[in-house]
Amino acid sequence: MDRVAEAGGPAVNPAVLAETRWGVEMAAQRPVAASNARAALASAVGFACLGGFFVLVGAASILTATPAQAHDLLPLAGIGDVPRRFGEVAPLLSATIAALVTGVVAVLVAARRLDALAAAIELFILGAVIEGCVLGAIGRIGHATDGSVLGAAVVCVMGGVAVLAGGIVALLARE
């Protein structure tokens, strides 16, 4: 029992107060993390990884498909074909790069090397970039009568939504 409680003062939690030879001082208190913060971060990592994977698979499927009726979008003949047709495939390549960066952010969050708030902001921005790029390219893809190309575009859009959801879940996982 400490001197304050002995003198008739209020009962004091010994974890809060530390007694020194000059009197009673407040000790540093660390904020307690929510009990589900770790699970929310794991969910955010899962959303980000799966969303990035779906964007990579969908963009690769679009770039290597053979849409017979696609307006202005033919499959790439090879890596040398990219500089010649960069304007056509730039939105899909940008979405692919954003999906790769999403994977890096997810690995940093899983390794606890990136703060949850920073990860949430980055995942939200990357998801918005993926959505913008895929929806910008969907004007060409949407004219395709080949269902696999349009399906791949929908997979890319859903991958971007999953990355956005990962950003929202990471925002809720702040400690």
Protein backbone atom coordinates (compact mmCIF):
# COMPACT_ATOMS: atom_id res chain seq x y z
CA MET A 1 0.00 0.00 0.00
CA ASP A 2 1.33 3.43 -0.83
CA ARG A 3 1.47 6.62 1.23
CA VAL A 4 -1.49 8.31 -0.49
CA ALA A 5 -3.86 5.45 0.33
CA GLU A 6 -2.49 5.28 3.90
CA ALA A 7 -3.21 8.97 4.41
CA GLY A 8 -6.88 8.41 3.61
CA GLY A 9 -6.67 9.38 -0.03
CA PRO A 10 -8.25 7.45 -2.85
CA ALA A 11 -7.03 3.95 -3.59
CA VAL A 12 -4.29 4.08 -6.19
CA ASN A 13 -3.52 1.53 -8.86
CA PRO A 14 0.15 0.61 -8.36
CA ALA A 15 0.58 0.07 -12.12
CA VAL A 16 -0.31 3.71 -12.77
CA LEU A 17 1.73 5.39 -10.08
CA ALA A 18 5.36 4.96 -9.30
CA GLU A 19 6.72 6.11 -5.97
CA THR A 20 10.01 7.97 -5.89
CA ARG A 21 11.85 9.47 -2.97
CA TRP A 22 10.28 12.87 -3.80
CA GLY A 23 6.70 11.67 -3.89
CA VAL A 24 4.26 10.05 -6.25
CA GLU A 25 4.60 10.51 -10.01
CA MET A 26 2.65 9.26 -12.98
CA ALA A 27 4.23 6.38 -14.81
CA ALA A 28 4.04 6.09 -18.59
CA GLN A 29 1.01 4.18 -19.80
CA ARG A 30 1.03 2.51 -23.16
CA PRO A 31 -2.23 2.35 -25.06
CA VAL A 32 -3.56 -1.16 -25.20
CA ALA A 33 -4.12 -2.56 -28.68
CA ALA A 34 -7.51 -3.85 -29.63
CA SER A 35 -7.81 -7.57 -29.19
CA ASN A 36 -8.63 -8.07 -32.86
CA ALA A 37 -6.06 -5.69 -34.38
CA ARG A 38 -3.75 -8.54 -35.36
CA ALA A 39 -6.60 -10.45 -37.00
CA ALA A 40 -7.68 -7.31 -38.87
CA LEU A 41 -4.14 -6.81 -40.17
CA ALA A 42 -4.05 -10.44 -41.31
CA SER A 43 -7.35 -9.88 -43.12
CA ALA A 44 -5.99 -6.72 -44.75
CA VAL A 45 -2.92 -8.64 -45.94
CA GLY A 46 -5.16 -11.39 -47.31
CA PHE A 47 -7.40 -8.94 -49.18
CA ALA A 48 -4.40 -7.09 -50.61
CA CYS A 49 -2.58 -10.26 -51.71
CA LEU A 50 -5.63 -11.86 -53.30
CA GLY A 51 -6.68 -8.61 -54.96
CA GLY A 52 -3.20 -8.07 -56.39
CA PHE A 53 -3.08 -11.67 -57.59
CA PHE A 54 -6.44 -11.32 -59.36
CA VAL A 55 -5.31 -8.12 -61.05
CA LEU A 56 -2.08 -9.77 -62.23
CA VAL A 57 -3.91 -12.81 -63.59
CA GLY A 58 -6.64 -10.72 -65.21
CA ALA A 59 -4.23 -8.28 -66.85
CA ALA A 60 -2.03 -11.11 -68.12
CA SER A 61 -5.11 -12.82 -69.53
CA ILE A 62 -6.18 -9.64 -71.32
CA LEU A 63 -2.72 -8.90 -72.71
CA THR A 64 -2.17 -12.43 -74.01
CA ALA A 65 -5.74 -13.22 -75.15
CA THR A 66 -6.87 -13.23 -78.74
CA PRO A 67 -10.05 -11.16 -78.77
CA ALA A 68 -11.42 -11.46 -82.29
CA GLN A 69 -13.77 -8.47 -82.02
CA ALA A 70 -11.88 -6.28 -79.54
CA HIS A 71 -11.81 -2.66 -80.56
CA ASP A 72 -8.16 -1.60 -80.91
CA LEU A 73 -6.79 -4.27 -78.60
CA LEU A 74 -4.84 -7.12 -80.12
CA PRO A 75 -2.72 -9.53 -78.12
CA LEU A 76 0.91 -8.62 -77.64
CA ALA A 77 3.21 -10.45 -80.04
CA GLY A 78 6.09 -10.27 -77.58
CA ILE A 79 8.07 -7.96 -75.35
CA GLY A 80 9.22 -5.98 -78.41
CA ASP A 81 5.61 -5.19 -79.20
CA VAL A 82 5.13 -3.21 -75.97
CA PRO A 83 6.97 0.02 -76.98
CA ARG A 84 5.13 0.18 -80.33
CA ARG A 85 1.70 -0.23 -78.74
CA PHE A 86 2.40 1.40 -75.39
CA GLY A 87 -0.59 3.74 -75.59
CA GLU A 88 -2.95 0.79 -75.93
CA VAL A 89 -1.55 -1.34 -73.12
CA ALA A 90 -0.32 1.38 -70.73
CA PRO A 91 -3.40 1.31 -68.47
CA LEU A 92 -3.14 -2.46 -68.05
CA LEU A 93 0.60 -2.29 -67.46
CA SER A 94 0.01 0.44 -64.85
CA ALA A 95 -2.58 -1.74 -63.12
CA THR A 96 -0.09 -4.62 -63.17
CA ILE A 97 2.64 -2.47 -61.60
CA ALA A 98 0.18 -1.23 -58.95
CA ALA A 99 -0.71 -4.86 -58.18
CA LEU A 100 2.98 -5.69 -57.72
CA VAL A 101 3.40 -2.73 -55.36
CA THR A 102 0.31 -3.94 -53.49
CA GLY A 103 2.08 -7.24 -52.91
CA VAL A 104 5.12 -5.44 -51.51
CA VAL A 105 2.93 -3.38 -49.16
CA ALA A 106 1.16 -6.54 -48.01
CA VAL A 107 4.49 -8.24 -47.26
CA LEU A 108 5.66 -5.18 -45.28
CA VAL A 109 2.44 -5.16 -43.27
CA ALA A 110 2.68 -8.90 -42.60
CA ALA A 111 6.27 -8.47 -41.40
CA ARG A 112 5.15 -5.54 -39.18
CA ARG A 113 7.55 -3.18 -40.96
CA LEU A 114 4.79 -0.79 -42.01
CA ASP A 115 2.32 1.02 -39.77
CA ALA A 116 -1.34 0.11 -40.21
CA LEU A 117 -2.39 3.68 -40.99
CA ALA A 118 0.30 4.10 -43.65
CA ALA A 119 -0.59 0.72 -45.12
CA ALA A 120 -4.27 1.64 -45.19
CA ILE A 121 -3.57 4.83 -47.09
CA GLU A 122 -1.24 3.10 -49.54
CA LEU A 123 -3.62 0.21 -50.17
CA PHE A 124 -6.52 2.58 -50.66
CA ILE A 125 -4.57 4.65 -53.20
CA LEU A 126 -3.25 1.55 -55.00
CA GLY A 127 -6.78 0.13 -55.20
CA ALA A 128 -8.05 3.39 -56.66
CA VAL A 129 -5.20 3.41 -59.20
CA ILE A 130 -5.99 -0.17 -60.22
CA GLU A 131 -9.67 0.68 -60.62
CA GLY A 132 -8.89 3.80 -62.66
CA CYS A 133 -6.48 2.00 -64.94
CA VAL A 134 -8.70 -1.01 -65.57
CA LEU A 135 -11.82 1.09 -66.07
CA GLY A 136 -9.82 3.32 -68.42
CA ALA A 137 -8.86 0.32 -70.51
CA ILE A 138 -12.30 -1.26 -70.37
CA GLY A 139 -13.48 0.99 -73.21
CA ARG A 140 -11.45 -1.15 -75.58
CA ILE A 141 -12.06 -4.38 -73.74
CA GLY A 142 -15.80 -3.84 -73.41
CA HIS A 143 -16.33 -4.09 -77.18
CA ALA A 144 -14.97 -7.63 -77.19
CA THR A 145 -17.48 -10.34 -77.90
CA ASP A 146 -14.97 -12.85 -76.58
CA GLY A 147 -16.30 -13.58 -73.09
CA SER A 148 -12.91 -14.52 -71.67
CA VAL A 149 -11.51 -11.03 -72.24
CA LEU A 150 -14.49 -9.31 -70.67
CA GLY A 151 -14.39 -11.81 -67.81
CA ALA A 152 -10.72 -11.02 -67.27
CA ALA A 153 -11.56 -7.32 -67.13
CA VAL A 154 -14.17 -8.03 -64.47
CA VAL A 155 -11.58 -10.06 -62.53
CA CYS A 156 -9.23 -7.04 -62.65
CA VAL A 157 -11.99 -4.74 -61.38
CA MET A 158 -12.83 -7.14 -58.54
CA GLY A 159 -9.12 -7.39 -57.67
CA GLY A 160 -8.98 -3.61 -57.37
CA VAL A 161 -12.04 -3.67 -55.13
CA ALA A 162 -10.34 -6.30 -52.94
CA VAL A 163 -7.28 -4.05 -52.60
CA LEU A 164 -9.57 -1.16 -51.61
CA ALA A 165 -11.22 -3.42 -49.04
CA GLY A 166 -7.78 -4.35 -47.71
CA GLY A 167 -7.05 -0.66 -47.22
CA ILE A 168 -10.29 -0.15 -45.31
CA VAL A 169 -9.66 -3.18 -43.10
CA ALA A 170 -6.08 -2.01 -42.43
CA LEU A 171 -7.48 1.37 -41.39
CA LEU A 172 -9.69 -0.38 -38.86
CA ALA A 173 -6.70 -2.37 -37.55
CA ARG A 174 -4.88 0.59 -36.06
CA GLU A 175 -3.38 -0.13 -32.69
